[in-house]
Protein backbone atom coordinates (compact mmCIF):
# COMPACT_ATOMS: atom_id res chain seq x y z
CA UNK A 1 -5.34 -39.69 117.09
CA UNK A 2 -1.86 -39.67 117.87
CA UNK A 3 -2.04 -43.12 118.48
CA UNK A 4 -3.40 -44.07 115.08
CA UNK A 5 -0.60 -41.88 113.29
CA UNK A 6 2.13 -43.84 115.18
CA UNK A 7 0.51 -47.43 114.43
CA UNK A 8 0.24 -45.92 110.93
CA UNK A 9 3.92 -45.23 110.93
CA UNK A 10 4.79 -48.29 112.48
CA UNK A 11 2.76 -50.56 109.54
CA UNK A 12 4.62 -48.39 107.07
CA UNK A 13 7.93 -49.29 108.20
CA UNK A 14 7.31 -53.20 108.27
CA UNK A 15 4.81 -53.77 105.13
CA UNK A 16 6.05 -52.76 101.86
CA UNK A 17 4.07 -54.90 100.29
CA UNK A 18 1.94 -51.72 98.28
CA UNK A 19 5.29 -50.46 96.68
CA UNK A 20 6.97 -53.35 95.82
CA UNK A 21 6.33 -53.34 92.11
CA UNK A 22 6.17 -57.08 90.49
CA UNK A 23 7.29 -59.07 87.37
CA UNK A 24 7.93 -57.07 84.10
CA UNK A 25 6.89 -54.08 86.08
CA UNK A 26 9.58 -54.15 88.62
CA UNK A 27 12.14 -54.30 86.40
CA UNK A 28 11.45 -51.74 83.55
CA UNK A 29 10.25 -49.20 85.82
CA UNK A 30 12.98 -50.21 88.27
CA UNK A 31 13.71 -47.19 90.96
CA UNK A 32 15.43 -49.00 93.50
CA UNK A 33 19.07 -48.88 93.65
CA UNK A 34 19.27 -52.82 94.42
CA UNK A 35 17.25 -53.47 91.51
CA UNK A 36 19.16 -51.33 89.14
CA UNK A 37 22.27 -52.65 90.48
CA UNK A 38 21.25 -56.20 89.45
CA UNK A 39 20.08 -54.99 85.98
CA UNK A 40 23.43 -53.48 85.75
CA UNK A 41 25.37 -56.69 86.81
CA UNK A 42 23.25 -59.13 84.58
CA UNK A 43 23.48 -56.93 81.68
CA UNK A 44 27.24 -56.35 82.33
CA UNK A 45 27.83 -60.17 82.76
CA UNK A 46 25.90 -60.82 79.36
CA UNK A 47 28.45 -58.26 77.62
CA UNK A 48 31.32 -60.28 79.06
CA UNK A 49 30.19 -63.47 77.22
CA UNK A 50 29.66 -61.72 74.34
CA UNK A 51 32.92 -60.10 74.48
CA UNK A 52 34.33 -63.68 75.46
CA UNK A 53 32.97 -65.42 72.04
CA UNK A 54 35.00 -62.68 70.24
CA UNK A 55 38.08 -63.05 71.86
CA UNK A 56 37.66 -66.44 71.27
CA UNK A 57 37.41 -66.36 67.81
CA UNK A 58 40.37 -64.10 67.76
CA UNK A 59 42.24 -66.68 69.68
CA UNK A 60 41.30 -69.31 67.16
CA UNK A 61 42.19 -67.78 64.06
CA UNK A 62 45.62 -67.24 65.89
CA UNK A 63 46.09 -70.92 66.84
CA UNK A 64 48.20 -71.43 64.00
CA UNK A 65 49.62 -69.18 60.94
CA UNK A 66 47.79 -68.63 57.91
CA UNK A 67 44.17 -67.88 57.50
CA UNK A 68 41.88 -70.48 58.78
CA UNK A 69 38.59 -69.43 59.76
CA UNK A 70 37.89 -65.71 58.76
CA UNK A 71 39.19 -62.77 56.51
CA UNK A 72 41.67 -59.83 57.80
CA UNK A 73 38.72 -57.73 57.84
CA UNK A 74 36.17 -59.87 60.09
CA UNK A 75 39.13 -60.39 62.00
CA UNK A 76 39.85 -56.84 62.65
CA UNK A 77 36.15 -56.18 62.94
CA UNK A 78 36.36 -58.95 66.03
CA UNK A 79 39.33 -57.22 67.47
CA UNK A 80 37.80 -53.78 67.49
CA UNK A 81 34.24 -55.24 68.89
CA UNK A 82 35.96 -57.11 71.39
CA UNK A 83 37.77 -54.17 72.97
CA UNK A 84 34.27 -51.85 72.34
CA UNK A 85 32.22 -54.56 74.11
CA UNK A 86 34.44 -55.33 77.09
CA UNK A 87 35.16 -51.88 78.09
CA UNK A 88 31.98 -50.13 77.60
CA UNK A 89 29.66 -52.80 77.72
CA UNK A 90 31.10 -55.18 80.53
CA UNK A 91 33.86 -53.59 82.84
CA UNK A 92 32.32 -50.19 83.40
CA UNK A 93 28.51 -50.93 83.69
CA UNK A 94 29.77 -53.96 86.23
CA UNK A 95 31.13 -51.22 88.24
CA UNK A 96 28.35 -49.07 88.05
CA UNK A 97 26.17 -52.28 89.04
CA UNK A 98 28.15 -52.36 92.06
CA UNK A 99 28.02 -48.54 92.95
CA UNK A 100 24.13 -48.71 92.46
CA UNK A 101 23.83 -51.85 95.05
CA UNK A 102 26.75 -51.01 97.73
CA UNK A 103 27.03 -47.37 97.78
CA UNK A 104 23.63 -46.22 99.50
CA UNK A 105 24.26 -49.32 101.88
CA UNK A 106 27.63 -48.26 102.68
CA UNK A 107 27.00 -44.95 103.42
CA UNK A 108 23.52 -45.57 105.23
CA UNK A 109 21.14 -43.86 102.36
CA UNK A 110 17.52 -45.08 101.42
CA UNK A 111 18.40 -44.94 97.70
CA UNK A 112 20.39 -43.32 94.85
CA UNK A 113 19.51 -39.54 95.06
CA UNK A 114 17.86 -39.59 91.36
CA UNK A 115 16.11 -42.62 91.42
CA UNK A 116 14.07 -41.92 88.07
CA UNK A 117 17.11 -40.89 86.45
CA UNK A 118 19.02 -44.00 87.74
CA UNK A 119 16.64 -45.99 85.65
CA UNK A 120 17.23 -43.97 82.91
CA UNK A 121 20.90 -44.76 83.01
CA UNK A 122 20.56 -48.21 82.97
CA UNK A 123 18.09 -48.62 79.89
CA UNK A 124 20.33 -46.53 77.66
CA UNK A 125 22.50 -49.45 77.71
CA UNK A 126 20.59 -52.29 76.26
CA UNK A 127 19.87 -50.01 73.39
CA UNK A 128 23.50 -49.45 72.76
CA UNK A 129 24.52 -52.91 73.11
CA UNK A 130 21.97 -53.75 70.47
CA UNK A 131 23.28 -51.25 68.12
CA UNK A 132 27.08 -52.11 68.71
CA UNK A 133 26.43 -56.03 68.25
CA UNK A 134 23.57 -55.45 65.41
CA UNK A 135 26.47 -53.45 63.33
CA UNK A 136 28.05 -56.83 62.66
CA UNK A 137 24.95 -57.67 59.82
CA UNK A 138 24.91 -54.32 58.25
CA UNK A 139 26.92 -53.96 54.72
CA UNK A 140 30.35 -53.74 55.88
CA UNK A 141 29.77 -55.40 58.64
CA UNK A 142 31.19 -54.02 62.22
CA UNK A 143 33.72 -50.87 62.55
CA UNK A 144 37.35 -52.80 62.05
CA UNK A 145 39.28 -49.52 63.03
CA UNK A 146 40.25 -50.54 66.44
CA UNK A 147 38.52 -49.83 69.57
CA UNK A 148 40.14 -46.84 69.73
CA UNK A 149 38.78 -45.75 66.37
CA UNK A 150 41.40 -44.07 64.81
CA UNK A 151 40.94 -41.97 61.99
CA UNK A 152 41.53 -42.37 58.85
CA UNK A 153 40.52 -46.06 59.18
CA UNK A 154 37.08 -44.93 61.19
CA UNK A 155 36.27 -42.46 58.23
CA UNK A 156 36.74 -44.88 55.76
CA UNK A 157 34.39 -47.55 57.25
CA UNK A 158 30.93 -48.32 56.39
CA UNK A 159 27.61 -47.52 58.56
CA UNK A 160 28.53 -50.15 61.07
CA UNK A 161 30.91 -47.31 62.07
CA UNK A 162 28.24 -44.53 62.49
CA UNK A 163 26.49 -47.26 64.69
CA UNK A 164 29.30 -47.86 66.80
CA UNK A 165 29.64 -43.64 67.36
CA UNK A 166 26.01 -43.99 68.29
CA UNK A 167 26.39 -46.51 70.79
CA UNK A 168 29.32 -44.74 72.34
CA UNK A 169 27.44 -41.79 72.64
CA UNK A 170 24.46 -43.15 74.28
CA UNK A 171 26.62 -45.11 76.90
CA UNK A 172 28.59 -41.95 77.31
CA UNK A 173 25.31 -40.28 78.29
CA UNK A 174 24.59 -43.21 80.78
CA UNK A 175 27.77 -42.84 82.28
CA UNK A 176 27.49 -38.87 82.89
CA UNK A 177 24.06 -39.57 84.18
CA UNK A 178 25.18 -42.27 86.66
CA UNK A 179 28.04 -40.22 87.52
CA UNK A 180 26.09 -37.36 88.61
CA UNK A 181 23.60 -39.34 90.71
CA UNK A 182 26.64 -41.21 92.64
CA UNK A 183 28.70 -37.73 93.15
CA UNK A 184 25.29 -36.81 94.69
CA UNK A 185 24.41 -39.40 96.53
CA UNK A 186 27.71 -39.66 98.39
CA UNK A 187 27.60 -35.83 99.16
CA UNK A 188 24.43 -35.32 100.10
CA UNK A 189 22.77 -38.57 101.83
CA UNK A 190 25.70 -39.92 104.23
CA UNK A 191 24.33 -41.32 107.54
CA UNK A 192 24.69 -38.15 110.28
CA UNK A 193 28.16 -38.70 111.86
CA UNK A 194 29.83 -40.50 108.57
CA UNK A 195 32.22 -37.47 107.52
CA UNK A 196 33.87 -37.77 103.94
CA UNK A 197 37.33 -39.01 106.00
CA UNK A 198 35.08 -41.91 107.52
CA UNK A 199 33.67 -43.04 104.47
CA UNK A 200 34.31 -46.87 102.97
CA UNK A 201 37.04 -46.40 100.36
CA UNK A 202 34.77 -48.20 97.85
CA UNK A 203 32.60 -44.93 98.24
CA UNK A 204 36.00 -42.78 98.02
CA UNK A 205 37.20 -44.67 94.82
CA UNK A 206 33.71 -44.12 93.41
CA UNK A 207 33.18 -40.69 94.27
CA UNK A 208 36.94 -39.82 92.50
CA UNK A 209 36.06 -42.00 89.49
CA UNK A 210 32.13 -40.43 88.70
CA UNK A 211 34.64 -36.87 88.63
CA UNK A 212 36.51 -38.77 86.10
CA UNK A 213 33.70 -39.52 84.08
CA UNK A 214 32.02 -36.56 84.08
CA UNK A 215 35.67 -34.83 82.91
CA UNK A 216 36.49 -36.96 79.99
CA UNK A 217 32.93 -38.76 78.74
CA UNK A 218 32.39 -35.47 76.58
CA UNK A 219 35.91 -35.61 75.39
CA UNK A 220 35.42 -38.97 73.92
CA UNK A 221 31.88 -37.41 72.89
CA UNK A 222 33.88 -34.67 70.91
CA UNK A 223 36.59 -37.21 69.47
CA UNK A 224 33.83 -39.66 67.67
CA UNK A 225 31.43 -36.29 66.94
CA UNK A 226 33.91 -34.63 64.77
CA UNK A 227 34.67 -38.38 63.54
CA UNK A 228 30.79 -38.47 62.35
CA UNK A 229 31.12 -34.98 60.78
CA UNK A 230 34.37 -36.13 58.94
CA UNK A 231 32.19 -38.97 57.71
CA UNK A 232 29.22 -37.22 56.64
CA UNK A 233 29.14 -33.56 56.37
CA UNK A 234 32.26 -32.58 54.57
CA UNK A 235 34.75 -31.20 57.57
CA UNK A 236 38.47 -32.34 57.81
CA UNK A 237 39.17 -32.46 61.07
CA UNK A 238 41.58 -35.77 60.75
CA UNK A 239 41.98 -35.01 57.07
CA UNK A 240 45.29 -33.80 56.06
CA UNK A 241 43.90 -32.84 52.44
CA UNK A 242 41.60 -30.40 54.39
CA UNK A 243 44.03 -28.99 56.45
CA UNK A 244 42.66 -31.54 59.35
CA UNK A 245 45.54 -33.95 61.24
CA UNK A 246 44.64 -37.34 62.12
CA UNK A 247 47.20 -37.10 65.18
CA UNK A 248 44.67 -34.97 66.34
CA UNK A 249 42.34 -37.66 66.94
CA UNK A 250 44.81 -39.61 68.60
CA UNK A 251 45.52 -36.74 71.39
CA UNK A 252 41.80 -35.89 71.83
CA UNK A 253 40.84 -39.77 72.05
CA UNK A 254 43.47 -40.45 74.56
CA UNK A 255 43.07 -37.44 76.66
CA UNK A 256 39.70 -39.49 77.53
CA UNK A 257 41.51 -42.87 76.85
CA UNK A 258 44.07 -42.68 79.72
CA UNK A 259 41.61 -41.15 82.79
CA UNK A 260 39.28 -44.02 81.02
CA UNK A 261 41.94 -46.82 82.03
CA UNK A 262 41.93 -45.40 85.76
CA UNK A 263 38.01 -45.44 85.62
CA UNK A 264 38.18 -49.06 85.24
CA UNK A 265 40.46 -49.65 87.86
CA UNK A 266 39.78 -47.43 90.68
CA UNK A 267 36.36 -48.92 91.94
CA UNK A 268 38.62 -52.13 91.57
CA UNK A 269 41.09 -50.56 94.33
CA UNK A 270 37.78 -49.62 96.14
CA UNK A 271 36.41 -53.28 96.42
CA UNK A 272 39.88 -54.67 97.31
CA UNK A 273 40.68 -52.10 99.97
CA UNK A 274 37.17 -53.42 101.63
CA UNK A 275 38.05 -57.24 101.46
CA UNK A 276 41.44 -57.45 102.63
CA UNK A 277 40.97 -55.48 106.06
CA UNK A 278 37.95 -57.82 106.52
CA UNK A 279 40.00 -60.81 105.94
CA UNK A 280 43.12 -59.77 107.63
CA UNK A 281 40.99 -58.54 110.92
CA UNK A 282 42.80 -55.35 110.92
CA UNK A 283 41.50 -51.88 109.95
CA UNK A 284 42.85 -50.72 106.28
CA UNK A 285 46.71 -49.53 107.00
CA UNK A 286 47.09 -45.59 106.10
CA UNK A 287 43.41 -45.10 105.32
CA UNK A 288 44.34 -41.26 104.74
CA UNK A 289 47.08 -42.17 102.70
CA UNK A 290 44.79 -44.47 100.40
CA UNK A 291 42.32 -41.44 99.91
CA UNK A 292 44.88 -38.87 98.80
CA UNK A 293 46.68 -41.68 96.70
CA UNK A 294 43.49 -42.61 95.04
CA UNK A 295 43.01 -38.44 94.29
CA UNK A 296 46.30 -38.24 92.98
CA UNK A 297 46.08 -41.11 90.28
CA UNK A 298 42.83 -39.25 89.44
CA UNK A 299 44.67 -35.84 88.76
CA UNK A 300 48.04 -37.47 87.14
CA UNK A 301 45.70 -39.38 84.56
CA UNK A 302 45.38 -36.18 82.81
CA UNK A 303 48.77 -35.51 82.24
CA UNK A 304 49.69 -38.83 80.62
CA UNK A 305 47.75 -39.31 77.49
CA UNK A 306 50.64 -39.07 75.03
CA UNK A 307 52.50 -41.92 76.28
CA UNK A 308 50.33 -43.88 74.10
CA UNK A 309 51.64 -42.13 71.14
CA UNK A 310 55.60 -42.08 71.55
CA UNK A 311 55.85 -43.22 67.98
CA UNK A 312 53.74 -40.38 66.42
CA UNK A 313 56.78 -38.23 65.92
CA UNK A 314 56.27 -35.94 68.82
CA UNK A 315 59.22 -33.68 69.95
CA UNK A 316 61.75 -35.03 72.29
CA UNK A 317 60.83 -32.74 75.04
CA UNK A 318 57.37 -34.25 75.22
CA UNK A 319 58.34 -37.25 74.71
CA UNK A 320 60.40 -36.95 78.37
CA UNK A 321 57.57 -35.07 79.82
CA UNK A 322 54.90 -37.83 79.18
CA UNK A 323 57.87 -40.31 80.20
CA UNK A 324 58.31 -38.77 83.50
CA UNK A 325 54.80 -38.18 83.93
CA UNK A 326 54.00 -41.83 83.58
CA UNK A 327 56.42 -43.05 86.08
CA UNK A 328 55.33 -40.36 88.66
CA UNK A 329 51.46 -41.98 88.13
CA UNK A 330 53.13 -45.33 89.55
CA UNK A 331 53.61 -43.66 92.98
CA UNK A 332 50.35 -43.36 94.21
CA UNK A 333 49.58 -46.82 92.57
CA UNK A 334 52.68 -48.45 94.25
CA UNK A 335 51.21 -46.63 97.56
CA UNK A 336 48.15 -48.71 97.54
CA UNK A 337 49.74 -51.94 96.79
CA UNK A 338 52.33 -51.03 99.94
CA UNK A 339 49.34 -50.44 102.13
CA UNK A 340 47.35 -53.68 101.13
CA UNK A 341 50.32 -55.73 101.89
CA UNK A 342 50.73 -53.67 105.25
CA UNK A 343 47.28 -54.49 106.08
CA UNK A 344 47.69 -58.31 105.71
CA UNK A 345 51.06 -58.11 107.56
CA UNK A 346 50.77 -59.73 111.19
CA UNK A 347 46.78 -59.92 110.21
CA UNK A 348 44.75 -62.91 111.20
CA UNK A 349 44.57 -63.85 107.75
CA UNK A 350 41.96 -66.51 106.09
CA UNK A 351 41.41 -67.22 102.45
CA UNK A 352 37.89 -67.65 101.57
CA UNK A 353 37.37 -66.86 97.83
CA UNK A 354 36.94 -63.14 98.26
CA UNK A 355 40.28 -62.70 99.81
CA UNK A 356 41.74 -65.20 97.34
CA UNK A 357 40.78 -62.88 94.40
CA UNK A 358 42.02 -59.66 96.18
CA UNK A 359 45.43 -61.12 96.84
CA UNK A 360 45.46 -62.75 93.29
CA UNK A 361 44.29 -59.24 92.09
CA UNK A 362 47.47 -57.68 94.33
CA UNK A 363 49.93 -60.09 92.79
CA UNK A 364 48.96 -60.24 89.22
CA UNK A 365 47.84 -56.57 88.79
CA UNK A 366 51.23 -55.64 90.23
CA UNK A 367 53.01 -57.52 87.43
CA UNK A 368 50.73 -55.74 84.75
CA UNK A 369 51.97 -52.60 86.72
CA UNK A 370 55.50 -53.02 85.99
CA UNK A 371 54.88 -53.78 82.57
CA UNK A 372 53.52 -50.59 82.26
CA UNK A 373 56.42 -48.69 84.10
CA UNK A 374 58.42 -50.77 81.49
CA UNK A 375 56.26 -49.28 78.49
CA UNK A 376 56.69 -45.70 79.93
CA UNK A 377 60.07 -45.71 78.98
CA UNK A 378 60.14 -44.11 75.62
CA UNK A 379 62.91 -46.06 73.69
CA UNK A 380 61.71 -49.08 75.24
CA UNK A 381 57.85 -48.42 74.15
CA UNK A 382 59.06 -47.20 70.19
CA UNK A 383 60.17 -51.00 69.97
CA UNK A 384 57.36 -52.19 71.62
CA UNK A 385 54.64 -50.20 70.35
CA UNK A 386 51.47 -52.16 68.88
CA UNK A 387 53.06 -55.88 69.63
CA UNK A 388 51.69 -58.19 71.97
CA UNK A 389 53.79 -57.18 74.72
CA UNK A 390 50.95 -54.30 75.27
CA UNK A 391 48.42 -56.70 74.73
CA UNK A 392 49.55 -58.65 77.56
CA UNK A 393 50.03 -55.12 79.78
CA UNK A 394 46.48 -54.18 79.43
CA UNK A 395 45.04 -57.63 80.08
CA UNK A 396 47.01 -57.83 82.96
CA UNK A 397 45.32 -54.52 84.40
CA UNK A 398 42.13 -54.98 82.77
CA UNK A 399 41.22 -59.03 83.32
CA UNK A 400 43.37 -59.66 86.59
CA UNK A 401 42.76 -56.00 87.48
CA UNK A 402 39.28 -54.87 87.20
CA UNK A 403 37.67 -58.54 86.23
CA UNK A 404 39.24 -60.26 89.24
CA UNK A 405 38.12 -57.43 91.59
CA UNK A 406 34.64 -57.39 90.20
CA UNK A 407 34.48 -61.21 90.99
CA UNK A 408 36.29 -60.74 94.90
CA UNK A 409 33.35 -58.10 95.24
CA UNK A 410 30.60 -60.56 94.08
CA UNK A 411 32.13 -63.57 96.45
CA UNK A 412 32.19 -60.80 99.54
CA UNK A 413 28.77 -58.99 98.75
CA UNK A 414 27.08 -61.69 97.10
CA UNK A 415 25.47 -63.01 100.43
CA UNK A 416 23.80 -59.80 101.10
CA UNK A 417 22.14 -59.33 97.38
CA UNK A 418 21.04 -63.37 97.42
CA UNK A 419 20.60 -63.97 101.17
CA UNK A 420 22.32 -67.20 100.57
CA UNK A 421 25.99 -67.91 100.92
CA UNK A 422 28.05 -69.46 97.93
CA UNK A 423 29.80 -72.69 97.52
CA UNK A 424 32.69 -72.39 99.12
CA UNK A 425 34.46 -75.32 97.10
CA UNK A 426 33.40 -73.75 93.83
CA UNK A 427 34.41 -70.36 94.51
CA UNK A 428 37.94 -71.86 95.26
CA UNK A 429 37.69 -73.86 91.68
CA UNK A 430 36.92 -70.49 89.99
CA UNK A 431 39.83 -68.63 91.57
CA UNK A 432 42.41 -71.01 91.06
CA UNK A 433 41.03 -72.20 87.58
CA UNK A 434 40.95 -68.39 86.57
CA UNK A 435 44.11 -67.18 88.03
CA UNK A 436 46.23 -70.10 85.97
CA UNK A 437 44.28 -70.15 82.81
CA UNK A 438 44.54 -66.27 82.78
CA UNK A 439 48.54 -66.59 83.42
CA UNK A 440 48.58 -69.39 80.64
CA UNK A 441 46.64 -67.33 78.17
CA UNK A 442 48.35 -63.74 78.57
CA UNK A 443 52.05 -64.60 80.04
CA UNK A 444 53.38 -66.16 76.58
CA UNK A 445 52.11 -62.83 74.85
CA UNK A 446 54.94 -60.85 76.47
CA UNK A 447 57.16 -63.12 74.70
CA UNK A 448 55.80 -62.94 71.42
CA UNK A 449 55.77 -58.80 71.86
CA UNK A 450 59.30 -58.93 72.67
CA UNK A 451 60.21 -61.01 69.64
CA UNK A 452 58.05 -58.68 67.56
CA UNK A 453 54.49 -59.79 66.71
CA UNK A 454 52.10 -56.96 65.85
CA UNK A 455 48.83 -56.85 67.57
CA UNK A 456 45.42 -56.75 65.50
CA UNK A 457 46.99 -59.10 62.63
CA UNK A 458 45.08 -61.92 61.43
CA UNK A 459 48.44 -64.03 60.60
CA UNK A 460 51.83 -64.54 61.65
CA UNK A 461 55.25 -65.62 60.80
CA UNK A 462 55.65 -69.20 61.97
CA UNK A 463 58.34 -69.12 64.55
CA UNK A 464 55.37 -67.68 66.76
CA UNK A 465 53.45 -70.79 66.74
CA UNK A 466 53.85 -72.15 70.01
CA UNK A 467 53.06 -69.32 71.97
CA UNK A 468 49.96 -68.45 70.06
CA UNK A 469 48.88 -72.21 70.77
CA UNK A 470 49.60 -71.80 74.65
CA UNK A 471 47.56 -68.87 74.48
CA UNK A 472 44.82 -70.00 72.53
CA UNK A 473 44.41 -73.18 75.17
CA UNK A 474 44.37 -71.06 77.75
CA UNK A 475 41.77 -68.61 76.22
CA UNK A 476 39.58 -71.56 75.92
CA UNK A 477 39.95 -73.05 79.34
CA UNK A 478 39.42 -69.47 81.32
CA UNK A 479 36.22 -68.47 78.95
CA UNK A 480 34.80 -71.76 80.15
CA UNK A 481 35.98 -71.06 84.12
CA UNK A 482 33.56 -67.99 83.57
CA UNK A 483 30.72 -70.05 82.25
CA UNK A 484 31.37 -72.42 85.69
CA UNK A 485 31.02 -69.02 87.58
CA UNK A 486 27.63 -68.28 86.50
CA UNK A 487 26.23 -72.09 85.89
CA UNK A 488 28.15 -73.50 89.33
CA UNK A 489 28.10 -70.70 91.61
CA UNK A 490 25.94 -67.48 91.21
CA UNK A 491 22.63 -69.53 89.80
CA UNK A 492 22.97 -72.22 92.74
CA UNK A 493 23.46 -69.46 95.54
CA UNK A 494 20.44 -67.24 94.00
CA UNK A 495 17.91 -70.57 94.39
CA UNK A 496 18.91 -71.08 97.79
CA UNK A 497 21.52 -72.70 100.01
CA UNK A 498 22.94 -72.14 103.47
CA UNK A 499 21.25 -68.60 104.56
CA UNK A 500 23.67 -65.90 104.96
CA UNK A 501 23.85 -64.07 108.39
CA UNK A 502 23.55 -60.57 108.30
CA UNK A 503 27.19 -60.01 108.47
CA UNK A 504 28.63 -63.38 107.03
CA UNK A 505 32.68 -62.30 107.45
CA UNK A 506 33.68 -61.97 111.36
CA UNK A 507 36.42 -59.15 109.82
CA UNK A 508 33.55 -57.06 107.65
CA UNK A 509 33.18 -53.75 109.03
CA UNK A 510 30.47 -51.17 107.72
CA UNK A 511 26.96 -50.12 107.45
CA UNK A 512 25.91 -52.94 104.84
CA UNK A 513 26.76 -55.58 107.17
CA UNK A 514 23.92 -54.00 109.83
CA UNK A 515 20.82 -54.62 107.46
CA UNK A 516 19.63 -58.43 107.32
CA UNK A 517 20.49 -60.93 104.26
CA UNK A 518 19.11 -60.51 101.87
CA UNK A 519 19.15 -56.80 102.15
CA UNK A 520 15.18 -55.77 101.90
CA UNK A 521 13.64 -54.01 99.21
CA UNK A 522 13.81 -50.75 101.43
CA UNK A 523 16.72 -50.06 103.61
CA UNK A 524 17.73 -47.17 106.10
CA UNK A 525 14.14 -45.08 105.92
CA UNK A 526 15.48 -43.48 109.11
CA UNK A 527 19.06 -42.78 108.95
CA UNK A 528 21.05 -45.26 110.94
CA UNK A 529 23.62 -43.84 113.88
CA UNK A 530 27.06 -44.01 112.10
CA UNK A 531 30.04 -44.34 115.00
């Protein structure tokens, strides 16, 4: 009897065909963290392309002064929807895709803690995306209140605004459930011997990000619910005539919105903190300080929100508080940059594509950090508020920050996902093309902003033409590089190529490199030994 059960257990660990769903069922009812991770990544890339097309619409209209292609109303719909789609549809779901794929592999867990809730978290996203994108086709079109959805504009829009509110609610619910899942998985399912302070940096940054999401998503839900009741149920939260205050909306929104920008960058820090040591062939310099810096950024992110509001007429005391708090938050960020550079210092560095994107990230993200520091200075910010200088700043941290880190992560972990190595030459073309064209697109915007060009305007005076034309040409090139990425890098490496070793990078450390490439459907059914 004992032999039979042992044989049976042995068969069970090697033959999983019986619980391998196939076809539509595999994806619709997916409970495996790898499948759900892939769904998130494909969804995010689709939304990246949709948001990118909107950006190119914006840039095409701005190629020369005057109105060429669209009315200002539609232009404002594009600027608003581009922001909403990129933030909630592309960047955030992409990081959740990485979390789903990598956290169980990095901590030696068999899956995420709540596998079915994981499925539900993902399948909330496509209906939300359809609501958002579908709002272009309802009477009055999509919301044109800016991605921040400020009152009183948001209370005066057509039904497209209600669709956006509903979409953001659904995506927020997805984020909260995903975060609960990530926190539970990390706290309860680590391999024996893996203490919190031995955990990979990517897991740390996501643990902290998940707490941030749980803290601020309900705040956003509150802001847009109040907008909804102002619109349809006769309340006056943001209507001064009824005793409300439109500036209160901004306070509530940015109390969500500032931690949100860290939600979009902390997982990027985690990815870069995995890649830099691997290609420097050295352990991460100052691991503990990295963990504390990440936690400090998260905590401080709650006390800087009104630096987005220096021009709303707040008292000087408040201006000073938010100015100094914002300068303070740059310190832990600087610690991280110092640690990455110190990790590379005297390392045996090689520059495969993941490392190129990681180093490119550090360089360009730091530039974006410095422009943020400049905008923290209240009197300067008052001059630059709502100009293209701000647009340049946040694209440097979001595109060259979040997006470049996501690319770095794809090149680093992609062989583990697909089982095949990507084409290194094509990866390098994608990196250099993206880096150069990104700077051609967004660097001139600093000058436009310093010269006074306001953001979200469909038209501009003739003196701004040259820089706008450079930016537009760069934007089309940058967009084409991302089409190149999917067609020339991703799809070929899914279809085949040089088989990837279990550990394709000789400097890489961590449990994810102990499983075969491609990672099998089930991993770590017996918890691995972590030393």
